[in-house]
């Protein structure tokens, strides 16, 4: 019973850690969105998208409203969005999105993470060509006809459509577009009364690399280490 309790406790703390990290990430995105376009989601498409994403990670409404209020204050933090590139063990390419108020601290921490994880931080442009930046919308497939939706959205930049599952195993319909068409596709969905479960930009690898299980585990350990850093928003890699 003791071991079972310890396992459950560890799982619970891990879930809380993931939730806290997700809330912190959304909080920074809210700050960036408010500073870019104001505190009203109706007139700020970027903030509207972030608020939708907050719902997808179950961030309470009062926390979202508090984050918007803080971001509107004159003493709110100024975050700089910086992209870093590097290599994980076994030549796996990695892109790290950060939002930081101290780039010197961030780059120092990332270099340490990469070195301790068996990889190395690289110069800008080193691995970016191995990825394509895309807008990725995840939709609830209920009451949606994928074939019909594909025909309707293709003129608004839709490039890919397919089925997937969420973290809890729920079915999702995933659509992708070139990042330059993000706004067009977002508006097309809104005009049709479709509210995405989430809408984000992602770096999609153009050619995933397969590794044996033990080597893949080393890569994922570094990815996890990077994701735990407070300045890191998202981590992308080309491990297949």
C-alpha atoms as a PDB file:
ATOM      1  CA  UNK A   1       0.000   0.000   0.000  1.00  0.00           C
ATOM      2  CA  UNK A   2       2.871   2.352   0.795  1.00  0.00           C
ATOM      3  CA  UNK A   3       4.358   1.996  -2.680  1.00  0.00           C
ATOM      4  CA  UNK A   4       0.970   2.474  -4.324  1.00  0.00           C
ATOM      5  CA  UNK A   5       0.391   5.635  -2.285  1.00  0.00           C
ATOM      6  CA  UNK A   6       3.831   6.991  -3.190  1.00  0.00           C
ATOM      7  CA  UNK A   7       3.205   6.283  -6.887  1.00  0.00           C
ATOM      8  CA  UNK A   8      -0.143   8.058  -6.793  1.00  0.00           C
ATOM      9  CA  UNK A   9       1.378  11.007  -4.919  1.00  0.00           C
ATOM     10  CA  UNK A  10       4.180  11.291  -7.473  1.00  0.00           C
ATOM     11  CA  UNK A  11       1.660  11.199 -10.319  1.00  0.00           C
ATOM     12  CA  UNK A  12      -0.443  13.877  -8.620  1.00  0.00           C
ATOM     13  CA  UNK A  13       2.543  16.191  -8.109  1.00  0.00           C
ATOM     14  CA  UNK A  14       3.656  15.643 -11.711  1.00  0.00           C
ATOM     15  CA  UNK A  15       0.170  16.609 -12.902  1.00  0.00           C
ATOM     16  CA  UNK A  16       0.240  19.743 -10.752  1.00  0.00           C
ATOM     17  CA  UNK A  17       3.667  20.647 -12.130  1.00  0.00           C
ATOM     18  CA  UNK A  18       2.410  20.313 -15.714  1.00  0.00           C
ATOM     19  CA  UNK A  19      -0.653  22.401 -14.894  1.00  0.00           C
ATOM     20  CA  UNK A  20       1.415  25.108 -13.187  1.00  0.00           C
ATOM     21  CA  UNK A  21       3.766  25.229 -16.169  1.00  0.00           C
ATOM     22  CA  UNK A  22       0.840  25.463 -18.609  1.00  0.00           C
ATOM     23  CA  UNK A  23      -0.736  28.297 -16.605  1.00  0.00           C
ATOM     24  CA  UNK A  24       2.586  30.167 -16.472  1.00  0.00           C
ATOM     25  CA  UNK A  25       3.008  29.788 -20.240  1.00  0.00           C
ATOM     26  CA  UNK A  26      -0.494  31.091 -20.902  1.00  0.00           C
ATOM     27  CA  UNK A  27       0.099  33.952 -18.473  1.00  0.00           C
ATOM     28  CA  UNK A  28       3.115  35.118 -20.458  1.00  0.00           C
ATOM     29  CA  UNK A  29       1.193  34.777 -23.728  1.00  0.00           C
ATOM     30  CA  UNK A  30      -1.601  36.908 -22.268  1.00  0.00           C
ATOM     31  CA  UNK A  31       0.901  39.602 -21.279  1.00  0.00           C
ATOM     32  CA  UNK A  32       2.435  39.627 -24.763  1.00  0.00           C
ATOM     33  CA  UNK A  33      -0.992  39.700 -26.436  1.00  0.00           C
ATOM     34  CA  UNK A  34      -2.343  42.516 -24.241  1.00  0.00           C
ATOM     35  CA  UNK A  35       0.728  44.680 -24.823  1.00  0.00           C
ATOM     36  CA  UNK A  36       0.440  44.057 -28.565  1.00  0.00           C
ATOM     37  CA  UNK A  37      -3.286  44.685 -29.022  1.00  0.00           C
ATOM     38  CA  UNK A  38      -5.009  45.733 -25.809  1.00  0.00           C
ATOM     39  CA  UNK A  39      -6.997  43.938 -23.079  1.00  0.00           C
ATOM     40  CA  UNK A  40     -10.261  43.353 -24.988  1.00  0.00           C
ATOM     41  CA  UNK A  41     -10.401  39.895 -26.647  1.00  0.00           C
ATOM     42  CA  UNK A  42     -13.176  41.098 -28.972  1.00  0.00           C
ATOM     43  CA  UNK A  43     -10.839  43.546 -30.699  1.00  0.00           C
ATOM     44  CA  UNK A  44      -7.621  41.603 -30.153  1.00  0.00           C
ATOM     45  CA  UNK A  45      -7.494  38.351 -32.178  1.00  0.00           C
ATOM     46  CA  UNK A  46      -4.191  37.315 -30.576  1.00  0.00           C
ATOM     47  CA  UNK A  47      -5.617  37.667 -27.070  1.00  0.00           C
ATOM     48  CA  UNK A  48      -8.812  35.914 -28.147  1.00  0.00           C
ATOM     49  CA  UNK A  49      -6.745  32.957 -29.310  1.00  0.00           C
ATOM     50  CA  UNK A  50      -4.737  32.839 -26.073  1.00  0.00           C
ATOM     51  CA  UNK A  51      -7.926  32.890 -23.997  1.00  0.00           C
ATOM     52  CA  UNK A  52      -9.219  29.943 -26.032  1.00  0.00           C
ATOM     53  CA  UNK A  53      -5.979  28.096 -25.368  1.00  0.00           C
ATOM     54  CA  UNK A  54      -6.326  28.858 -21.659  1.00  0.00           C
ATOM     55  CA  UNK A  55      -9.597  26.956 -21.685  1.00  0.00           C
ATOM     56  CA  UNK A  56      -7.901  23.988 -23.342  1.00  0.00           C
ATOM     57  CA  UNK A  57      -5.546  23.615 -20.347  1.00  0.00           C
ATOM     58  CA  UNK A  58      -8.402  24.196 -17.862  1.00  0.00           C
ATOM     59  CA  UNK A  59      -7.050  27.517 -16.632  1.00  0.00           C
ATOM     60  CA  UNK A  60      -9.791  29.026 -14.414  1.00  0.00           C
ATOM     61  CA  UNK A  61     -11.612  32.071 -15.772  1.00  0.00           C
ATOM     62  CA  UNK A  62     -10.664  34.187 -12.760  1.00  0.00           C
ATOM     63  CA  UNK A  63      -6.968  33.445 -13.332  1.00  0.00           C
ATOM     64  CA  UNK A  64      -7.293  34.443 -16.990  1.00  0.00           C
ATOM     65  CA  UNK A  65      -9.035  37.698 -16.041  1.00  0.00           C
ATOM     66  CA  UNK A  66      -6.408  38.418 -13.372  1.00  0.00           C
ATOM     67  CA  UNK A  67      -3.607  37.840 -15.904  1.00  0.00           C
ATOM     68  CA  UNK A  68      -5.240  40.265 -18.356  1.00  0.00           C
ATOM     69  CA  UNK A  69      -5.585  42.864 -15.601  1.00  0.00           C
ATOM     70  CA  UNK A  70      -1.936  42.455 -14.562  1.00  0.00           C
ATOM     71  CA  UNK A  71      -0.801  42.716 -18.171  1.00  0.00           C
ATOM     72  CA  UNK A  72      -2.700  45.996 -18.504  1.00  0.00           C
ATOM     73  CA  UNK A  73      -0.827  47.560 -15.576  1.00  0.00           C
ATOM     74  CA  UNK A  74       2.134  49.841 -16.052  1.00  0.00           C
ATOM     75  CA  UNK A  75       4.358  47.593 -13.925  1.00  0.00           C
ATOM     76  CA  UNK A  76       3.736  44.414 -15.922  1.00  0.00           C
ATOM     77  CA  UNK A  77       6.737  42.498 -17.190  1.00  0.00           C
ATOM     78  CA  UNK A  78       8.092  43.028 -20.702  1.00  0.00           C
ATOM     79  CA  UNK A  79       8.725  39.648 -22.278  1.00  0.00           C
ATOM     80  CA  UNK A  80      10.882  39.205 -25.337  1.00  0.00           C
ATOM     81  CA  UNK A  81      10.077  36.237 -27.547  1.00  0.00           C
ATOM     82  CA  UNK A  82      13.322  34.580 -28.666  1.00  0.00           C
ATOM     83  CA  UNK A  83      13.831  31.391 -30.651  1.00  0.00           C
ATOM     84  CA  UNK A  84      16.810  29.142 -29.936  1.00  0.00           C
ATOM     85  CA  UNK A  85      18.111  26.184 -31.922  1.00  0.00           C
ATOM     86  CA  UNK A  86      20.215  23.234 -30.930  1.00  0.00           C
ATOM     87  CA  UNK A  87      20.934  19.546 -31.091  1.00  0.00           C
ATOM     88  CA  UNK A  88      19.816  16.851 -28.701  1.00  0.00           C
ATOM     89  CA  UNK A  89      21.802  13.604 -28.419  1.00  0.00           C
ATOM     90  CA  UNK A  90      22.171  11.534 -31.622  1.00  0.00           C
ATOM     91  CA  UNK A  91      21.783  14.545 -33.907  1.00  0.00           C
ATOM     92  CA  UNK A  92      18.125  15.278 -33.191  1.00  0.00           C
ATOM     93  CA  UNK A  93      17.240  18.865 -34.097  1.00  0.00           C
ATOM     94  CA  UNK A  94      15.560  21.018 -31.444  1.00  0.00           C
ATOM     95  CA  UNK A  95      13.819  24.403 -31.566  1.00  0.00           C
ATOM     96  CA  UNK A  96      13.075  26.165 -28.276  1.00  0.00           C
ATOM     97  CA  UNK A  97      10.552  29.001 -28.029  1.00  0.00           C
ATOM     98  CA  UNK A  98      11.133  31.313 -25.062  1.00  0.00           C
ATOM     99  CA  UNK A  99       9.493  34.365 -23.538  1.00  0.00           C
ATOM    100  CA  UNK A 100      11.961  36.103 -21.270  1.00  0.00           C
ATOM    101  CA  UNK A 101      12.613  39.348 -19.428  1.00  0.00           C
ATOM    102  CA  UNK A 102      16.306  38.453 -19.168  1.00  0.00           C
ATOM    103  CA  UNK A 103      17.835  36.968 -22.368  1.00  0.00           C
ATOM    104  CA  UNK A 104      21.281  36.672 -20.747  1.00  0.00           C
ATOM    105  CA  UNK A 105      19.875  34.377 -18.067  1.00  0.00           C
ATOM    106  CA  UNK A 106      17.848  32.423 -20.601  1.00  0.00           C
ATOM    107  CA  UNK A 107      20.662  31.634 -23.004  1.00  0.00           C
ATOM    108  CA  UNK A 108      22.943  30.665 -20.110  1.00  0.00           C
ATOM    109  CA  UNK A 109      20.335  28.282 -18.701  1.00  0.00           C
ATOM    110  CA  UNK A 110      19.586  26.751 -22.094  1.00  0.00           C
ATOM    111  CA  UNK A 111      23.282  26.159 -22.784  1.00  0.00           C
ATOM    112  CA  UNK A 112      23.532  24.358 -19.457  1.00  0.00           C
ATOM    113  CA  UNK A 113      20.447  22.240 -20.186  1.00  0.00           C
ATOM    114  CA  UNK A 114      21.755  21.205 -23.589  1.00  0.00           C
ATOM    115  CA  UNK A 115      25.247  20.402 -22.288  1.00  0.00           C
ATOM    116  CA  UNK A 116      24.000  18.348 -19.330  1.00  0.00           C
ATOM    117  CA  UNK A 117      21.529  16.560 -21.598  1.00  0.00           C
ATOM    118  CA  UNK A 118      24.183  15.432 -24.046  1.00  0.00           C
ATOM    119  CA  UNK A 119      23.398  17.996 -26.723  1.00  0.00           C
ATOM    120  CA  UNK A 120      24.540  21.481 -27.617  1.00  0.00           C
ATOM    121  CA  UNK A 121      23.039  24.915 -28.194  1.00  0.00           C
ATOM    122  CA  UNK A 122      23.640  25.967 -31.805  1.00  0.00           C
ATOM    123  CA  UNK A 123      23.661  29.230 -33.740  1.00  0.00           C
ATOM    124  CA  UNK A 124      20.474  30.668 -35.304  1.00  0.00           C
ATOM    125  CA  UNK A 125      19.584  28.932 -38.570  1.00  0.00           C
ATOM    126  CA  UNK A 126      21.400  25.713 -37.685  1.00  0.00           C
ATOM    127  CA  UNK A 127      18.295  23.499 -37.635  1.00  0.00           C
ATOM    128  CA  UNK A 128      15.415  25.819 -38.556  1.00  0.00           C
ATOM    129  CA  UNK A 129      15.453  24.639 -42.166  1.00  0.00           C
ATOM    130  CA  UNK A 130      14.452  21.167 -40.953  1.00  0.00           C
ATOM    131  CA  UNK A 131      11.080  22.509 -39.769  1.00  0.00           C
ATOM    132  CA  UNK A 132       8.103  24.316 -41.237  1.00  0.00           C
ATOM    133  CA  UNK A 133       6.284  26.838 -39.084  1.00  0.00           C
ATOM    134  CA  UNK A 134       2.563  26.207 -39.301  1.00  0.00           C
ATOM    135  CA  UNK A 135      -0.672  27.314 -37.700  1.00  0.00           C
ATOM    136  CA  UNK A 136      -2.267  24.346 -35.946  1.00  0.00           C
ATOM    137  CA  UNK A 137      -5.920  24.318 -34.905  1.00  0.00           C
ATOM    138  CA  UNK A 138      -7.406  21.497 -32.843  1.00  0.00           C
ATOM    139  CA  UNK A 139     -11.163  21.148 -33.118  1.00  0.00           C
ATOM    140  CA  UNK A 140     -13.880  19.108 -31.459  1.00  0.00           C
ATOM    141  CA  UNK A 141     -14.985  16.801 -34.309  1.00  0.00           C
ATOM    142  CA  UNK A 142     -18.553  16.517 -32.992  1.00  0.00           C
ATOM    143  CA  UNK A 143     -21.034  17.866 -35.565  1.00  0.00           C
ATOM    144  CA  UNK A 144     -18.218  18.580 -38.031  1.00  0.00           C
ATOM    145  CA  UNK A 145     -17.898  16.961 -41.451  1.00  0.00           C
ATOM    146  CA  UNK A 146     -14.163  16.799 -42.153  1.00  0.00           C
ATOM    147  CA  UNK A 147     -14.553  16.499 -45.927  1.00  0.00           C
ATOM    148  CA  UNK A 148     -16.968  19.411 -46.094  1.00  0.00           C
ATOM    149  CA  UNK A 149     -14.799  21.520 -43.813  1.00  0.00           C
ATOM    150  CA  UNK A 150     -11.738  20.828 -45.931  1.00  0.00           C
ATOM    151  CA  UNK A 151     -13.500  22.117 -49.054  1.00  0.00           C
ATOM    152  CA  UNK A 152     -14.711  25.227 -47.224  1.00  0.00           C
ATOM    153  CA  UNK A 153     -11.332  26.123 -45.729  1.00  0.00           C
ATOM    154  CA  UNK A 154      -8.940  25.340 -48.563  1.00  0.00           C
ATOM    155  CA  UNK A 155      -9.302  28.876 -49.949  1.00  0.00           C
ATOM    156  CA  UNK A 156      -8.303  30.277 -46.552  1.00  0.00           C
ATOM    157  CA  UNK A 157      -4.939  28.522 -46.411  1.00  0.00           C
ATOM    158  CA  UNK A 158      -5.795  25.035 -45.175  1.00  0.00           C
ATOM    159  CA  UNK A 159      -2.966  22.646 -46.074  1.00  0.00           C
ATOM    160  CA  UNK A 160      -3.537  19.558 -43.919  1.00  0.00           C
ATOM    161  CA  UNK A 161      -6.435  18.004 -42.054  1.00  0.00           C
ATOM    162  CA  UNK A 162      -6.479  14.820 -39.999  1.00  0.00           C
ATOM    163  CA  UNK A 163      -7.647  13.068 -36.863  1.00  0.00           C
ATOM    164  CA  UNK A 164      -5.778  12.915 -33.568  1.00  0.00           C
ATOM    165  CA  UNK A 165      -6.358  12.385 -29.860  1.00  0.00           C
ATOM    166  CA  UNK A 166      -5.896  14.809 -26.975  1.00  0.00           C
ATOM    167  CA  UNK A 167      -3.993  14.207 -23.750  1.00  0.00           C
ATOM    168  CA  UNK A 168      -7.051  12.583 -22.190  1.00  0.00           C
ATOM    169  CA  UNK A 169      -7.682  10.366 -25.211  1.00  0.00           C
ATOM    170  CA  UNK A 170     -10.500  12.501 -26.591  1.00  0.00           C
ATOM    171  CA  UNK A 171     -10.867  12.642 -30.408  1.00  0.00           C
ATOM    172  CA  UNK A 172      -9.709  15.811 -32.150  1.00  0.00           C
ATOM    173  CA  UNK A 173      -9.743  17.139 -35.676  1.00  0.00           C
ATOM    174  CA  UNK A 174      -6.416  18.818 -36.454  1.00  0.00           C
ATOM    175  CA  UNK A 175      -6.033  21.314 -39.281  1.00  0.00           C
ATOM    176  CA  UNK A 176      -2.833  23.041 -40.353  1.00  0.00           C
ATOM    177  CA  UNK A 177      -1.920  26.004 -42.502  1.00  0.00           C
ATOM    178  CA  UNK A 178       1.203  27.970 -43.357  1.00  0.00           C
ATOM    179  CA  UNK A 179       1.873  30.383 -40.508  1.00  0.00           C
ATOM    180  CA  UNK A 180       1.292  33.368 -42.806  1.00  0.00           C
ATOM    181  CA  UNK A 181      -2.306  32.156 -43.270  1.00  0.00           C
ATOM    182  CA  UNK A 182      -2.965  31.789 -39.536  1.00  0.00           C
ATOM    183  CA  UNK A 183      -5.172  34.872 -39.282  1.00  0.00           C
ATOM    184  CA  UNK A 184      -7.151  33.968 -42.393  1.00  0.00           C
ATOM    185  CA  UNK A 185      -7.918  30.481 -41.149  1.00  0.00           C
ATOM    186  CA  UNK A 186      -8.721  31.703 -37.634  1.00  0.00           C
ATOM    187  CA  UNK A 187     -11.274  34.174 -39.036  1.00  0.00           C
ATOM    188  CA  UNK A 188     -12.752  31.546 -41.368  1.00  0.00           C
ATOM    189  CA  UNK A 189     -13.376  29.260 -38.395  1.00  0.00           C
ATOM    190  CA  UNK A 190     -14.873  32.099 -36.355  1.00  0.00           C
ATOM    191  CA  UNK A 191     -17.168  33.075 -39.242  1.00  0.00           C
ATOM    192  CA  UNK A 192     -18.499  29.510 -39.229  1.00  0.00           C
ATOM    193  CA  UNK A 193     -19.109  29.530 -35.498  1.00  0.00           C
ATOM    194  CA  UNK A 194     -16.309  27.033 -34.838  1.00  0.00           C
ATOM    195  CA  UNK A 195     -14.326  27.662 -31.635  1.00  0.00           C
ATOM    196  CA  UNK A 196     -11.043  25.699 -31.656  1.00  0.00           C
ATOM    197  CA  UNK A 197     -10.005  23.683 -28.640  1.00  0.00           C
ATOM    198  CA  UNK A 198      -6.617  25.300 -29.200  1.00  0.00           C
ATOM    199  CA  UNK A 199      -4.924  27.389 -31.873  1.00  0.00           C
ATOM    200  CA  UNK A 200      -1.153  27.744 -31.878  1.00  0.00           C
ATOM    201  CA  UNK A 201       1.884  28.044 -34.088  1.00  0.00           C
ATOM    202  CA  UNK A 202       4.086  24.970 -34.196  1.00  0.00           C
ATOM    203  CA  UNK A 203       7.329  23.979 -35.869  1.00  0.00           C
ATOM    204  CA  UNK A 204       6.574  20.798 -37.795  1.00  0.00           C
ATOM    205  CA  UNK A 205       9.605  18.662 -38.820  1.00  0.00           C
ATOM    206  CA  UNK A 206       9.823  18.115 -42.562  1.00  0.00           C
ATOM    207  CA  UNK A 207      11.536  14.753 -42.092  1.00  0.00           C
ATOM    208  CA  UNK A 208      11.240  13.042 -38.686  1.00  0.00           C
ATOM    209  CA  UNK A 209      14.222  10.960 -37.514  1.00  0.00           C
ATOM    210  CA  UNK A 210      13.696   7.523 -35.988  1.00  0.00           C
ATOM    211  CA  UNK A 211      15.905   6.301 -33.135  1.00  0.00           C
ATOM    212  CA  UNK A 212      16.122   3.116 -31.055  1.00  0.00           C
ATOM    213  CA  UNK A 213      14.118   3.298 -27.853  1.00  0.00           C
ATOM    214  CA  UNK A 214      17.091   3.808 -25.535  1.00  0.00           C
ATOM    215  CA  UNK A 215      18.453   6.687 -27.642  1.00  0.00           C
ATOM    216  CA  UNK A 216      15.002   8.252 -28.006  1.00  0.00           C
ATOM    217  CA  UNK A 217      14.714   8.208 -24.202  1.00  0.00           C
ATOM    218  CA  UNK A 218      17.891  10.309 -23.947  1.00  0.00           C
ATOM    219  CA  UNK A 219      16.434  12.869 -26.360  1.00  0.00           C
ATOM    220  CA  UNK A 220      13.127  13.055 -24.499  1.00  0.00           C
ATOM    221  CA  UNK A 221      14.951  13.495 -21.189  1.00  0.00           C
ATOM    222  CA  UNK A 222      16.606  16.630 -22.586  1.00  0.00           C
ATOM    223  CA  UNK A 223      13.287  17.851 -24.014  1.00  0.00           C
ATOM    224  CA  UNK A 224      11.685  17.417 -20.594  1.00  0.00           C
ATOM    225  CA  UNK A 225      14.550  19.292 -18.949  1.00  0.00           C
ATOM    226  CA  UNK A 226      14.132  22.180 -21.381  1.00  0.00           C
ATOM    227  CA  UNK A 227      10.360  22.282 -20.909  1.00  0.00           C
ATOM    228  CA  UNK A 228      10.781  22.683 -17.147  1.00  0.00           C
ATOM    229  CA  UNK A 229      12.749  25.916 -17.556  1.00  0.00           C
ATOM    230  CA  UNK A 230      10.669  28.930 -16.518  1.00  0.00           C
ATOM    231  CA  UNK A 231      11.645  30.930 -19.622  1.00  0.00           C
ATOM    232  CA  UNK A 232      10.721  28.167 -22.077  1.00  0.00           C
ATOM    233  CA  UNK A 233       7.306  28.253 -23.720  1.00  0.00           C
ATOM    234  CA  UNK A 234       7.495  25.321 -26.138  1.00  0.00           C
ATOM    235  CA  UNK A 235      10.019  22.780 -27.404  1.00  0.00           C
ATOM    236  CA  UNK A 236       9.913  21.198 -30.862  1.00  0.00           C
ATOM    237  CA  UNK A 237      12.095  18.386 -32.210  1.00  0.00           C
ATOM    238  CA  UNK A 238      12.327  16.078 -35.196  1.00  0.00           C
ATOM    239  CA  UNK A 239      12.392  12.787 -33.296  1.00  0.00           C
ATOM    240  CA  UNK A 240       9.955  10.485 -35.079  1.00  0.00           C
END
